[in-house]
Amino acid sequence: NLAHFNLGKSNAVTREMVRVAGCPANKCGTLRNGVDLHRFRPDLPSSMRQQLGWTQDEVVFGQVANFRTGKRHADIVEMAAALAQPHPQARFILAGADYGAKASILRKINACGLGAKIRVLNGCPSPEEIFAALDVYVCTSGAEGFSNVILEAMACAKPVIATDVGGNPEAVRHEQSGFLVPVGDVPAFSQRAETLIANARLRKTMGMNGRRLAETEFSLAAMVKAHQDIYCDLFEGRM
């Protein structure tokens, strides 16, 4: 109540500010993150596949997320296990810092015999290099405000399979730039992954749709303009 105006980074977050935190609805609004369209772009070179011993014939899925329980990395491991036999060309990259959940994920990978198909990378100081090696970006998070990483993957023209939570539906257009699935629904993740494995043209189309969304709705310039508009409205008493 002390603030003149409160900003959420997605409509989902803004609704929670009102519903949970009790912020007055007339003092709340949404201002989404922007993505660096030059740093994250479709034509980035990458030697990561070669370093991992993979070729262009493999279909590579990836997630860039710190290893904490809420990110649900185990769902990706289970998806990889489901795809291993029918789609031996499927590969997976998991990259992020350890926040307590990494050891259990490594044990699960080994228990499923997926060590050759899933590579776990320590941290990701240059996530654009990872995106350049991917065919599909995956977000299995149980909760999200508004994911910068999804925006970065979209800017790199990667189709996205993401959980239908928080701000994810505000970034990913279902069946246009990717797919939205329920949290924890590994069969749904696997089914959407199979669709993209089988159709390289669809991967490209969805990826370019995501790039266009990043350019038109989620650029840094659009974010800066939105800040300016809000400040001007506040100063001039329109909010």
Protein backbone atom coordinates (compact mmCIF):
# COMPACT_ATOMS: atom_id res chain seq x y z
CA ASN A 1 0.00 0.00 0.00
CA LEU A 2 2.96 2.35 0.47
CA ALA A 3 3.98 2.07 -3.21
CA HIS A 4 2.35 4.19 -5.85
CA PHE A 5 2.42 1.23 -8.22
CA ASN A 6 3.49 -2.43 -8.14
CA LEU A 7 4.81 -4.39 -11.10
CA GLY A 8 4.68 -8.11 -11.79
CA LYS A 9 6.82 -9.63 -14.53
CA SER A 10 3.86 -11.58 -15.93
CA ASN A 11 0.08 -11.38 -15.70
CA ALA A 12 0.24 -14.53 -13.59
CA VAL A 13 2.56 -12.84 -11.08
CA THR A 14 0.41 -9.71 -11.05
CA ARG A 15 -2.68 -11.76 -10.25
CA GLU A 16 -0.81 -13.41 -7.37
CA MET A 17 0.21 -9.98 -6.05
CA VAL A 18 -3.46 -9.09 -5.82
CA ARG A 19 -4.79 -12.46 -4.64
CA VAL A 20 -2.06 -13.55 -2.23
CA ALA A 21 -0.22 -10.39 -1.21
CA GLY A 22 -3.34 -8.26 -1.06
CA CYS A 23 -2.03 -5.47 -3.31
CA PRO A 24 -4.79 -3.14 -4.51
CA ALA A 25 -5.67 -4.14 -8.07
CA ASN A 26 -5.63 -0.50 -9.22
CA LYS A 27 -2.02 -0.23 -8.05
CA CYS A 28 -0.78 -3.31 -9.93
CA GLY A 29 0.37 -3.88 -13.48
CA THR A 30 2.55 -6.12 -15.61
CA LEU A 31 5.91 -5.39 -17.20
CA ARG A 32 7.48 -8.41 -18.89
CA ASN A 33 11.18 -9.08 -19.31
CA GLY A 34 13.01 -8.48 -22.56
CA VAL A 35 15.68 -10.53 -24.29
CA ASP A 36 18.90 -9.48 -26.04
CA LEU A 37 18.09 -10.33 -29.66
CA HIS A 38 21.70 -9.99 -30.79
CA ARG A 39 23.23 -12.20 -28.13
CA PHE A 40 20.45 -14.77 -28.57
CA ARG A 41 19.79 -15.34 -32.25
CA PRO A 42 19.24 -18.23 -34.67
CA ASP A 43 22.58 -18.12 -36.51
CA LEU A 44 24.90 -18.68 -33.55
CA PRO A 45 27.76 -21.13 -34.21
CA SER A 46 28.29 -24.01 -31.81
CA SER A 47 30.88 -26.74 -31.43
CA MET A 48 29.08 -28.32 -28.48
CA ARG A 49 27.58 -31.22 -30.43
CA GLN A 50 31.01 -32.14 -31.73
CA GLN A 51 32.49 -31.85 -28.25
CA LEU A 52 29.80 -34.20 -26.93
CA GLY A 53 30.36 -36.67 -29.75
CA TRP A 54 26.98 -36.00 -31.34
CA THR A 55 26.21 -35.25 -35.00
CA GLN A 56 23.47 -33.30 -36.75
CA ASP A 57 21.51 -36.55 -37.07
CA GLU A 58 20.64 -36.54 -33.36
CA VAL A 59 17.67 -34.52 -32.10
CA VAL A 60 18.86 -32.66 -29.02
CA PHE A 61 16.57 -31.48 -26.23
CA GLY A 62 17.86 -29.25 -23.46
CA GLN A 63 17.05 -27.44 -20.26
CA VAL A 64 19.06 -24.61 -18.70
CA ALA A 65 18.00 -24.47 -15.06
CA ASN A 66 19.69 -24.70 -11.70
CA PHE A 67 19.37 -28.08 -10.06
CA ARG A 68 16.67 -27.49 -7.46
CA THR A 69 13.63 -29.63 -6.76
CA GLY A 70 11.13 -27.19 -8.24
CA LYS A 71 12.73 -27.40 -11.67
CA ARG A 72 11.71 -31.08 -11.88
CA HIS A 73 14.73 -32.33 -13.83
CA ALA A 74 13.60 -35.87 -13.02
CA ASP A 75 10.73 -35.42 -15.48
CA ILE A 76 13.22 -34.92 -18.31
CA VAL A 77 15.11 -38.04 -17.29
CA GLU A 78 11.85 -40.01 -17.34
CA MET A 79 11.01 -38.52 -20.73
CA ALA A 80 14.44 -39.56 -22.02
CA ALA A 81 13.85 -43.08 -20.74
CA ALA A 82 10.49 -43.24 -22.54
CA LEU A 83 12.04 -42.05 -25.81
CA ALA A 84 15.24 -44.13 -25.66
CA GLN A 85 13.96 -47.22 -27.46
CA PRO A 86 11.53 -45.81 -30.04
CA HIS A 87 13.78 -42.80 -30.79
CA PRO A 88 17.44 -43.75 -30.30
CA GLN A 89 18.52 -40.47 -31.93
CA ALA A 90 17.12 -38.40 -29.03
CA ARG A 91 19.75 -36.67 -26.86
CA PHE A 92 19.48 -34.39 -23.84
CA ILE A 93 21.51 -31.59 -22.24
CA LEU A 94 20.90 -30.45 -18.67
CA ALA A 95 22.86 -27.37 -17.62
CA GLY A 96 22.82 -25.46 -14.35
CA ALA A 97 24.38 -24.91 -10.95
CA ASP A 98 23.69 -27.36 -8.14
CA TYR A 99 21.21 -26.18 -5.53
CA GLY A 100 20.85 -29.55 -3.85
CA ALA A 101 19.10 -31.70 -6.46
CA LYS A 102 21.93 -32.58 -8.84
CA ALA A 103 23.17 -35.74 -7.10
CA SER A 104 19.74 -37.36 -7.19
CA ILE A 105 19.38 -36.54 -10.90
CA LEU A 106 22.77 -38.07 -11.68
CA ARG A 107 21.76 -41.21 -9.78
CA LYS A 108 18.51 -41.40 -11.72
CA ILE A 109 20.33 -41.02 -15.05
CA ASN A 110 22.69 -43.83 -14.15
CA ALA A 111 19.89 -46.05 -12.85
CA CYS A 112 18.06 -45.64 -16.16
CA GLY A 113 21.21 -46.39 -18.16
CA LEU A 114 21.03 -43.03 -19.93
CA GLY A 115 24.59 -41.80 -19.39
CA ALA A 116 25.31 -41.77 -23.13
CA LYS A 117 22.13 -39.89 -23.97
CA ILE A 118 21.96 -37.25 -21.22
CA ARG A 119 24.87 -34.89 -20.60
CA VAL A 120 24.89 -32.82 -17.43
CA LEU A 121 26.88 -29.59 -17.64
CA ASN A 122 28.12 -27.59 -14.67
CA GLY A 123 26.66 -24.11 -14.82
CA CYS A 124 25.97 -22.15 -17.98
CA PRO A 125 27.95 -18.88 -18.21
CA SER A 126 27.20 -18.76 -21.96
CA PRO A 127 23.72 -20.26 -22.39
CA GLU A 128 23.62 -19.09 -26.01
CA GLU A 129 26.20 -21.77 -26.83
CA ILE A 130 23.87 -24.40 -25.40
CA PHE A 131 20.85 -23.10 -27.30
CA ALA A 132 22.86 -23.21 -30.52
CA ALA A 133 23.37 -26.96 -29.99
CA LEU A 134 19.69 -27.70 -29.31
CA ASP A 135 16.80 -28.65 -31.54
CA VAL A 136 14.15 -28.22 -28.81
CA TYR A 137 14.08 -26.39 -25.49
CA VAL A 138 12.27 -28.03 -22.56
CA CYS A 139 10.99 -26.42 -19.36
CA THR A 140 9.63 -28.86 -16.76
CA SER A 141 9.37 -26.34 -13.89
CA GLY A 142 6.63 -26.71 -11.34
CA ALA A 143 6.33 -22.91 -11.10
CA GLU A 144 7.56 -19.93 -13.12
CA GLY A 145 7.13 -16.17 -12.90
CA PHE A 146 8.28 -15.25 -16.38
CA SER A 147 11.17 -17.32 -17.67
CA ASN A 148 14.12 -15.44 -19.15
CA VAL A 149 15.51 -18.75 -20.39
CA ILE A 150 12.39 -19.51 -22.42
CA LEU A 151 12.67 -16.08 -24.04
CA GLU A 152 16.33 -16.75 -24.83
CA ALA A 153 15.50 -20.10 -26.42
CA MET A 154 12.74 -18.50 -28.47
CA ALA A 155 15.12 -15.74 -29.60
CA CYS A 156 17.45 -18.52 -30.80
CA ALA A 157 14.52 -19.92 -32.83
CA LYS A 158 14.08 -23.07 -30.77
CA PRO A 159 10.63 -24.62 -30.32
CA VAL A 160 9.68 -24.93 -26.66
CA ILE A 161 7.91 -27.64 -24.68
CA ALA A 162 6.98 -26.05 -21.36
CA THR A 163 4.76 -26.58 -18.36
CA ASP A 164 1.49 -24.67 -18.42
CA VAL A 165 2.26 -22.64 -15.30
CA GLY A 166 2.84 -19.02 -14.29
CA GLY A 167 3.98 -16.81 -17.12
CA ASN A 168 4.88 -19.68 -19.49
CA PRO A 169 1.62 -19.41 -21.49
CA GLU A 170 2.30 -15.69 -21.94
CA ALA A 171 5.57 -16.50 -23.72
CA VAL A 172 4.91 -19.80 -25.48
CA ARG A 173 2.04 -19.88 -27.96
CA HIS A 174 0.64 -23.39 -27.80
CA GLU A 175 0.96 -25.25 -31.13
CA GLN A 176 2.50 -22.17 -32.74
CA SER A 177 5.90 -21.64 -31.10
CA GLY A 178 5.83 -24.80 -29.02
CA PHE A 179 3.67 -26.87 -26.71
CA LEU A 180 2.29 -26.39 -23.19
CA VAL A 181 1.74 -29.45 -21.00
CA PRO A 182 0.59 -30.01 -17.40
CA VAL A 183 3.21 -30.09 -14.66
CA GLY A 184 4.53 -33.60 -14.06
CA ASP A 185 2.78 -35.11 -17.09
CA VAL A 186 5.74 -37.07 -18.48
CA PRO A 187 3.61 -38.93 -21.09
CA ALA A 188 2.44 -35.57 -22.46
CA PHE A 189 6.03 -34.29 -22.59
CA SER A 190 7.09 -37.48 -24.36
CA GLN A 191 4.24 -37.27 -26.88
CA ARG A 192 5.09 -33.67 -27.77
CA ALA A 193 8.76 -34.58 -28.02
CA GLU A 194 7.92 -37.43 -30.41
CA THR A 195 5.96 -35.01 -32.59
CA LEU A 196 8.99 -32.74 -32.88
CA ILE A 197 11.46 -35.59 -33.37
CA ALA A 198 9.42 -36.81 -36.34
CA ASN A 199 8.97 -33.44 -38.01
CA ALA A 200 12.03 -31.28 -38.67
CA ARG A 201 9.92 -28.81 -40.64
CA LEU A 202 7.62 -28.28 -37.67
CA ARG A 203 10.64 -27.70 -35.43
CA LYS A 204 11.86 -25.00 -37.79
CA THR A 205 8.44 -23.38 -38.21
CA MET A 206 7.76 -23.26 -34.48
CA GLY A 207 11.27 -22.00 -33.81
CA MET A 208 10.92 -19.12 -36.26
CA ASN A 209 7.48 -18.28 -34.83
CA GLY A 210 9.15 -18.01 -31.44
CA ARG A 211 11.86 -15.76 -32.85
CA ARG A 212 9.24 -13.44 -34.31
CA LEU A 213 7.46 -13.27 -30.95
CA ALA A 214 10.75 -12.40 -29.27
CA GLU A 215 11.31 -9.64 -31.82
CA THR A 216 7.83 -8.15 -31.66
CA GLU A 217 6.84 -8.61 -28.01
CA PHE A 218 9.89 -9.41 -25.89
CA SER A 219 12.76 -7.31 -27.18
CA LEU A 220 14.83 -5.13 -24.86
CA ALA A 221 13.53 -2.12 -26.76
CA ALA A 222 9.93 -3.14 -26.06
CA MET A 223 10.74 -3.62 -22.37
CA VAL A 224 12.41 -0.20 -22.12
CA LYS A 225 9.47 1.50 -23.86
CA ALA A 226 7.05 -0.19 -21.47
CA HIS A 227 9.08 1.16 -18.52
CA GLN A 228 9.04 4.64 -20.03
CA ASP A 229 5.29 4.52 -20.63
CA ILE A 230 4.57 3.49 -17.05
CA TYR A 231 6.86 6.19 -15.61
CA CYS A 232 5.25 8.86 -17.81
CA ASP A 233 1.76 7.76 -16.83
CA LEU A 234 2.69 7.86 -13.14
CA PHE A 235 4.34 11.27 -13.36
CA GLU A 236 1.38 12.69 -15.26
CA GLY A 237 -1.18 11.21 -12.86
CA ARG A 238 -2.78 8.80 -15.31
CA MET A 239 -2.23 5.79 -13.00
